[in-house]
Amino acid sequence: MKIPLQYMIETFFTLASIPSPSGNTDHAIAWVEAELRQLGVSSVRTNKGALLATIPGAVDQQRRLLTAHVDTLGAMVREIKKNGRLKLSMIGGFPWNAVEGEHCQIETADGRIYTGTILTTKASVHVYSRETQKMERTDEVMEVRIDEKVTSKEDVLALGINVGDFVSFDPRVTVTDSGFIKSRHLDDKASVAILLGVLKQIKESGLQLPYTTHVLVSNNEEIGYGGNASIPENTVEYVAVDMGAIGEGQTTDEHCVSICAKDSTGPYHYGLRKHFVQLAEELGLQYRVDLYPFYGSDASAALRAGYDVVHGLIGPGIDASHSHERTHQESFENTAKLILAYLQSPITTVQGGTS
């Protein structure tokens, strides 16, 4: 089964470089919208600013929906300090030490861009010695050093920077000769790139899907409500394509497609999970079944919102989630192949899957 692997990697590289913290995703959504148009896939914007694409299938009375989210972790200016530095408020869940020392950019309300670095208030070891090592990283001790000649609050305000401005983290995308992809925001721009690769293959091969299928590029997943609306009528299966978490006690690795059995919200649909496993084994894919104890997806958000759908969660295995993440191109490939096989198979209710 052909997979446009290089296209997916290049797509991720481009998309990761477009800042899109939750709440400020319009540029990334516009880029995906233009890419869908190039692929010949129709899409519409939702009221929440997400993107809903549709691929007509042979059967329209029962539909599938796949989702991946383009919003990322980030921050917002909480306070402009007297010394010209910025206090931040987190967007999404991450520890401050995960972004300490990271380059960032501040976008003003009128579109001006300034760069900076996220540091502690006592970053210099030569001045503060062991104090900086012992300091607990909290909102109160983290700040942005702006790359402009500013030494006061008035200097910063003169730049047009204000409370409420968005702060994005430099992704620093690197693709190694050994096939590893390391970057911020693999969660979940990797999955958006994978879905675009799947759509590219479907369109270029002229593949006729058995069911009308929607792809929702959501834009509020990191804050809990990205995919809980705009689900088209007749949707019976809802699959979130999101990262598989790697760590102690987990089975997922950077080369596999991870199939989630349960996250913090509870089990995913058992019949659909078994269907994914069966397809992966038939194709000889690298896969792992896993539980994510501190995780929730757009699919689980849809169930909490009251939608009567069969829900599932799969995705590429990604190391160091919500930090400087890494995966391997084999994980892209395994995930894309499973999605393509799934889209050509009977829906779970037709197969009599266990609820």
Protein backbone atom coordinates (compact mmCIF):
# COMPACT_ATOMS: atom_id res chain seq x y z
CA MET A 1 0.00 0.00 0.00
CA LYS A 2 1.58 3.24 -1.18
CA ILE A 3 2.02 6.01 1.39
CA PRO A 4 3.24 9.54 0.49
CA LEU A 5 5.75 9.53 3.35
CA GLN A 6 7.94 12.39 2.16
CA TYR A 7 4.87 14.55 1.60
CA MET A 8 3.70 13.89 5.16
CA ILE A 9 7.08 14.79 6.65
CA GLU A 10 7.35 17.98 4.59
CA THR A 11 3.78 18.88 5.50
CA PHE A 12 4.53 18.48 9.19
CA PHE A 13 7.67 20.61 8.83
CA THR A 14 5.66 23.44 7.27
CA LEU A 15 2.72 23.17 9.65
CA ALA A 16 4.87 22.99 12.78
CA SER A 17 6.49 26.26 11.74
CA ILE A 18 3.14 28.10 11.76
CA PRO A 19 2.43 29.29 15.33
CA SER A 20 -1.00 28.10 16.49
CA PRO A 21 -1.48 28.00 20.27
CA SER A 22 -5.07 27.23 21.27
CA GLY A 23 -7.10 30.37 20.73
CA ASN A 24 -4.92 31.70 17.91
CA THR A 25 -5.02 29.05 15.20
CA ASP A 26 -6.34 30.94 12.17
CA HIS A 27 -3.06 30.98 10.22
CA ALA A 28 -2.59 27.23 10.59
CA ILE A 29 -6.22 26.51 9.73
CA ALA A 30 -5.92 28.72 6.64
CA TRP A 31 -2.82 26.81 5.53
CA VAL A 32 -4.58 23.44 5.90
CA GLU A 33 -7.61 24.84 4.11
CA ALA A 34 -5.43 25.86 1.15
CA GLU A 35 -3.69 22.47 1.14
CA LEU A 36 -7.05 20.64 1.06
CA ARG A 37 -8.06 22.81 -1.88
CA GLN A 38 -4.86 21.78 -3.68
CA LEU A 39 -5.69 18.13 -3.03
CA GLY A 40 -9.20 18.60 -4.42
CA VAL A 41 -10.96 18.06 -1.08
CA SER A 42 -13.84 20.39 -0.16
CA SER A 43 -13.98 21.87 3.33
CA VAL A 44 -15.89 24.43 5.38
CA ARG A 45 -15.05 26.49 8.47
CA THR A 46 -17.04 25.88 11.64
CA ASN A 47 -18.24 28.65 13.93
CA LYS A 48 -15.45 27.74 16.38
CA GLY A 49 -12.87 28.21 13.61
CA ALA A 50 -12.15 24.53 12.96
CA LEU A 51 -12.12 22.96 9.50
CA LEU A 52 -14.46 20.20 8.31
CA ALA A 53 -13.52 18.36 5.12
CA THR A 54 -15.69 15.80 3.32
CA ILE A 55 -14.88 12.89 1.02
CA PRO A 56 -18.05 11.43 -0.52
CA GLY A 57 -18.46 7.66 -0.21
CA ALA A 58 -20.68 4.96 -1.68
CA VAL A 59 -22.92 5.01 1.42
CA ASP A 60 -24.10 8.30 2.89
CA GLN A 61 -26.55 7.11 5.56
CA GLN A 62 -23.69 5.99 7.81
CA ARG A 63 -20.61 8.15 7.96
CA ARG A 64 -17.19 8.22 9.54
CA LEU A 65 -15.35 11.14 11.05
CA LEU A 66 -11.62 11.36 11.75
CA THR A 67 -10.11 14.26 13.63
CA ALA A 68 -6.68 15.66 14.42
CA HIS A 69 -5.96 18.98 16.07
CA VAL A 70 -3.85 21.84 14.82
CA ASP A 71 -3.79 23.80 18.08
CA THR A 72 -0.72 23.51 20.27
CA LEU A 73 0.58 24.39 23.69
CA GLY A 74 1.54 28.00 24.19
CA ALA A 75 1.10 30.93 26.54
CA MET A 76 -0.43 34.38 26.89
CA VAL A 77 1.01 37.56 28.32
CA ARG A 78 -0.32 37.81 31.85
CA GLU A 79 1.59 40.85 33.06
CA ILE A 80 4.18 43.35 31.84
CA LYS A 81 6.74 43.70 34.61
CA LYS A 82 8.41 46.93 35.70
CA ASN A 83 11.74 45.69 34.33
CA GLY A 84 10.34 45.14 30.82
CA ARG A 85 9.95 41.38 31.05
CA LEU A 86 6.73 39.42 30.65
CA LYS A 87 4.88 37.13 33.01
CA LEU A 88 2.99 34.33 31.30
CA SER A 89 -0.16 32.27 31.69
CA MET A 90 -0.06 28.74 30.27
CA ILE A 91 -2.24 27.60 27.37
CA GLY A 92 -2.56 23.83 27.67
CA GLY A 93 -0.96 21.50 30.19
CA PHE A 94 2.80 21.39 30.53
CA PRO A 95 5.44 21.92 33.23
CA TRP A 96 7.41 25.16 32.98
CA ASN A 97 10.69 23.28 32.93
CA ALA A 98 9.61 21.79 29.58
CA VAL A 99 9.92 25.21 27.91
CA GLU A 100 12.60 26.84 30.06
CA GLY A 101 15.27 28.28 27.78
CA GLU A 102 13.03 27.99 24.72
CA HIS A 103 12.93 30.68 22.07
CA CYS A 104 9.46 32.13 21.59
CA GLN A 105 7.56 34.77 19.70
CA ILE A 106 5.00 37.30 20.91
CA GLU A 107 2.21 38.31 18.52
CA THR A 108 0.52 41.62 19.24
CA ALA A 109 -3.16 42.28 18.59
CA ASP A 110 -2.26 44.26 15.47
CA GLY A 111 -0.09 41.46 14.09
CA ARG A 112 3.41 42.63 15.01
CA ILE A 113 5.84 39.83 15.91
CA TYR A 114 8.60 40.03 18.50
CA THR A 115 10.96 37.27 19.60
CA GLY A 116 12.17 36.37 23.06
CA THR A 117 13.36 33.64 25.39
CA ILE A 118 11.57 31.96 28.30
CA LEU A 119 13.72 32.04 31.43
CA THR A 120 13.49 32.02 35.21
CA THR A 121 13.87 35.26 37.11
CA LYS A 122 17.21 33.95 38.42
CA ALA A 123 18.65 32.28 35.35
CA SER A 124 22.33 33.17 35.78
CA VAL A 125 24.29 30.56 37.70
CA HIS A 126 27.18 33.04 38.06
CA VAL A 127 24.90 35.41 39.95
CA TYR A 128 22.53 33.09 41.80
CA SER A 129 24.62 29.91 42.05
CA ARG A 130 22.70 26.99 43.55
CA GLU A 131 19.59 29.12 44.11
CA THR A 132 18.59 28.81 40.46
CA GLN A 133 18.97 25.03 40.58
CA LYS A 134 16.74 24.70 43.65
CA MET A 135 14.04 27.11 42.41
CA GLU A 136 10.62 25.57 41.80
CA ARG A 137 9.43 26.50 38.31
CA THR A 138 6.07 28.28 38.77
CA ASP A 139 4.15 31.06 37.05
CA GLU A 140 5.71 33.56 39.45
CA VAL A 141 9.35 32.84 38.56
CA MET A 142 9.07 32.37 34.79
CA GLU A 143 9.37 35.30 32.40
CA VAL A 144 10.06 36.25 28.79
CA ARG A 145 13.16 38.26 27.96
CA ILE A 146 12.16 40.25 24.86
CA ASP A 147 14.72 40.72 22.08
CA GLU A 148 14.26 44.49 22.00
CA LYS A 149 15.79 47.43 23.89
CA VAL A 150 13.32 47.45 26.76
CA THR A 151 14.01 48.10 30.44
CA SER A 152 10.57 49.21 31.63
CA LYS A 153 6.87 48.50 31.30
CA GLU A 154 6.51 51.70 29.27
CA ASP A 155 9.13 50.51 26.77
CA VAL A 156 7.19 47.28 26.24
CA LEU A 157 3.85 49.04 25.84
CA ALA A 158 5.45 51.30 23.22
CA LEU A 159 6.17 48.18 21.15
CA GLY A 160 2.45 47.41 21.12
CA ILE A 161 2.77 44.40 23.44
CA ASN A 162 -0.13 44.09 25.87
CA VAL A 163 -1.71 41.69 28.34
CA GLY A 164 -3.54 38.99 26.40
CA ASP A 165 -1.05 38.74 23.54
CA PHE A 166 -0.24 35.19 22.44
CA VAL A 167 3.17 33.60 22.96
CA SER A 168 4.30 30.66 20.79
CA PHE A 169 7.21 28.28 21.27
CA ASP A 170 9.86 27.75 18.59
CA PRO A 171 9.29 24.18 17.29
CA ARG A 172 12.94 23.61 16.19
CA VAL A 173 11.97 20.87 13.72
CA THR A 174 14.77 18.45 12.88
CA VAL A 175 14.63 15.38 10.63
CA THR A 176 17.64 13.11 11.11
CA ASP A 177 19.31 10.85 8.55
CA SER A 178 18.19 7.91 10.70
CA GLY A 179 14.54 8.83 10.19
CA PHE A 180 13.75 10.49 13.51
CA ILE A 181 11.61 13.62 13.59
CA LYS A 182 12.11 15.78 16.67
CA SER A 183 10.15 18.92 17.28
CA ARG A 184 7.65 20.64 19.49
CA HIS A 185 4.03 20.24 18.46
CA LEU A 186 4.25 16.73 17.01
CA ASP A 187 1.16 16.58 19.23
CA ASP A 188 -0.82 16.88 17.08
CA LYS A 189 0.46 18.41 13.89
CA ALA A 190 2.05 15.07 13.03
CA SER A 191 -1.44 13.56 12.85
CA VAL A 192 -2.76 16.45 10.75
CA ALA A 193 0.10 15.81 8.31
CA ILE A 194 -0.68 12.08 8.30
CA LEU A 195 -4.36 12.69 7.53
CA LEU A 196 -3.42 15.04 4.70
CA GLY A 197 -1.16 12.31 3.34
CA VAL A 198 -4.02 9.81 3.50
CA LEU A 199 -6.31 12.23 1.66
CA LYS A 200 -3.62 12.81 -0.96
CA GLN A 201 -3.36 9.06 -1.57
CA ILE A 202 -7.15 8.67 -1.78
CA LYS A 203 -7.51 11.48 -4.31
CA GLU A 204 -4.52 10.56 -6.48
CA SER A 205 -5.41 6.86 -6.61
CA GLY A 206 -9.08 7.52 -7.33
CA LEU A 207 -10.04 5.31 -4.39
CA GLN A 208 -13.79 5.11 -3.75
CA LEU A 209 -14.49 4.97 -0.03
CA PRO A 210 -17.38 2.75 1.11
CA TYR A 211 -18.75 5.47 3.43
CA THR A 212 -18.83 9.24 3.27
CA THR A 213 -15.96 10.35 5.49
CA HIS A 214 -15.30 13.64 7.22
CA VAL A 215 -11.99 14.97 8.49
CA LEU A 216 -12.27 17.53 11.29
CA VAL A 217 -9.16 19.62 11.86
CA SER A 218 -9.97 20.86 15.35
CA ASN A 219 -8.47 23.91 17.00
CA ASN A 220 -9.23 23.69 20.73
CA GLU A 221 -8.17 20.17 21.73
CA GLU A 222 -5.42 21.24 24.12
CA ILE A 223 -7.99 23.10 26.22
CA GLY A 224 -10.55 20.29 26.17
CA TYR A 225 -13.30 21.06 23.67
CA GLY A 226 -11.87 20.89 20.16
CA GLY A 227 -13.94 18.11 18.61
CA ASN A 228 -17.12 18.18 20.65
CA ALA A 229 -19.25 19.94 18.01
CA SER A 230 -19.79 20.27 14.24
CA ILE A 231 -20.15 16.49 13.91
CA PRO A 232 -22.21 15.88 10.75
CA GLU A 233 -25.53 14.05 10.83
CA ASN A 234 -25.33 10.28 10.23
CA THR A 235 -21.85 10.02 11.75
CA VAL A 236 -21.62 6.65 13.50
CA GLU A 237 -17.85 6.25 13.96
CA TYR A 238 -15.58 8.95 15.36
CA VAL A 239 -11.82 8.33 15.41
CA ALA A 240 -9.34 10.75 16.96
CA VAL A 241 -5.90 10.57 15.36
CA ASP A 242 -3.63 11.86 18.10
CA MET A 243 -0.26 11.00 19.58
CA GLY A 244 0.51 7.78 21.38
CA ALA A 245 2.23 8.55 24.69
CA ILE A 246 5.57 6.91 25.49
CA GLY A 247 6.98 6.37 28.97
CA GLU A 248 7.55 3.96 31.83
CA GLY A 249 4.78 1.37 31.97
CA GLN A 250 3.67 2.13 28.38
CA THR A 251 3.92 -0.27 25.43
CA THR A 252 4.02 2.42 22.71
CA ASP A 253 7.30 3.26 20.96
CA GLU A 254 8.41 5.78 18.33
CA HIS A 255 8.04 3.35 15.42
CA CYS A 256 4.51 2.06 15.88
CA VAL A 257 0.93 3.13 15.47
CA SER A 258 -0.52 3.25 18.97
CA ILE A 259 -4.07 1.96 19.53
CA CYS A 260 -5.62 3.33 22.70
CA ALA A 261 -7.76 1.01 24.82
CA LYS A 262 -8.44 3.53 27.62
CA ASP A 263 -7.48 7.02 28.72
CA SER A 264 -8.42 9.20 31.70
CA THR A 265 -12.03 9.39 30.46
CA GLY A 266 -12.52 5.62 30.29
CA PRO A 267 -12.35 2.79 27.72
CA TYR A 268 -12.69 3.38 24.00
CA HIS A 269 -15.14 1.30 21.99
CA TYR A 270 -14.01 -2.30 22.37
CA GLY A 271 -15.22 -3.52 18.99
CA LEU A 272 -13.51 -0.67 17.15
CA ARG A 273 -10.30 -1.19 19.09
CA LYS A 274 -10.29 -4.91 18.15
CA HIS A 275 -10.99 -3.96 14.54
CA PHE A 276 -7.90 -1.72 14.49
CA VAL A 277 -5.80 -4.55 15.93
CA GLN A 278 -7.11 -7.01 13.35
CA LEU A 279 -6.34 -4.65 10.48
CA ALA A 280 -2.85 -3.92 11.83
CA GLU A 281 -2.06 -7.63 12.12
CA GLU A 282 -3.40 -8.40 8.64
CA LEU A 283 -1.15 -5.68 7.20
CA GLY A 284 1.88 -6.66 9.28
CA LEU A 285 2.11 -3.20 10.81
CA GLN A 286 4.10 -2.26 13.88
CA TYR A 287 1.42 -1.48 16.45
CA ARG A 288 0.89 -1.40 20.21
CA VAL A 289 -2.23 -1.37 22.34
CA ASP A 290 -1.86 1.06 25.22
CA LEU A 291 -3.55 2.97 28.04
CA TYR A 292 -2.94 6.69 28.54
CA PRO A 293 -3.60 7.56 32.21
CA PHE A 294 -3.38 11.37 31.87
CA TYR A 295 -4.97 11.93 28.48
CA GLY A 296 -8.23 12.92 26.83
CA SER A 297 -8.99 13.24 23.12
CA ASP A 298 -11.40 14.99 20.79
CA ALA A 299 -13.26 11.67 20.54
CA SER A 300 -13.83 11.47 24.29
CA ALA A 301 -14.86 15.14 24.27
CA ALA A 302 -17.53 14.28 21.69
CA LEU A 303 -18.95 11.56 23.94
CA ARG A 304 -19.02 13.92 26.91
CA ALA A 305 -20.95 16.35 24.72
CA GLY A 306 -23.61 13.68 24.24
CA TYR A 307 -22.92 12.36 20.74
CA ASP A 308 -24.08 8.81 20.08
CA VAL A 309 -21.03 7.50 18.20
CA VAL A 310 -18.58 4.62 18.29
CA HIS A 311 -15.29 6.23 19.32
CA GLY A 312 -11.65 5.28 18.90
CA LEU A 313 -8.16 6.73 19.30
CA ILE A 314 -5.03 5.87 17.33
CA GLY A 315 -1.88 7.75 16.44
CA PRO A 316 1.87 7.81 15.99
CA GLY A 317 4.00 6.98 19.01
CA ILE A 318 5.63 10.16 20.32
CA ASP A 319 8.29 10.43 23.02
CA ALA A 320 8.42 13.25 25.62
CA SER A 321 4.86 14.46 25.05
CA HIS A 322 4.24 18.14 25.86
CA SER A 323 8.00 18.69 25.95
CA HIS A 324 10.51 18.55 23.07
CA GLU A 325 8.93 15.58 21.32
CA ARG A 326 10.32 12.94 18.97
CA THR A 327 9.00 10.20 16.72
CA HIS A 328 10.21 8.22 13.72
CA GLN A 329 9.02 8.24 10.13
CA GLU A 330 8.03 4.57 10.55
CA SER A 331 5.36 5.74 12.99
CA PHE A 332 3.97 8.11 10.34
CA GLU A 333 3.90 5.24 7.86
CA ASN A 334 2.29 2.68 10.17
CA THR A 335 -0.39 5.14 11.25
CA ALA A 336 -1.23 6.19 7.68
CA LYS A 337 -1.48 2.57 6.51
CA LEU A 338 -3.84 1.67 9.36
CA ILE A 339 -6.06 4.67 8.57
CA LEU A 340 -6.24 3.80 4.88
CA ALA A 341 -7.16 0.20 5.65
CA TYR A 342 -9.75 1.31 8.19
CA LEU A 343 -11.42 3.70 5.74
CA GLN A 344 -11.91 0.85 3.27
CA SER A 345 -13.37 -1.59 5.83
CA PRO A 346 -16.96 -2.09 7.09
CA ILE A 347 -18.05 0.12 9.96
CA THR A 348 -18.10 -1.44 13.41
CA THR A 349 -21.91 -1.58 13.74
CA VAL A 350 -22.13 -3.49 10.47
CA GLN A 351 -19.60 -5.98 11.82
CA GLY A 352 -21.53 -6.34 15.09
CA GLY A 353 -18.75 -4.90 17.23
CA THR A 354 -19.02 -5.11 21.01
CA SER A 355 -20.18 -1.91 22.67
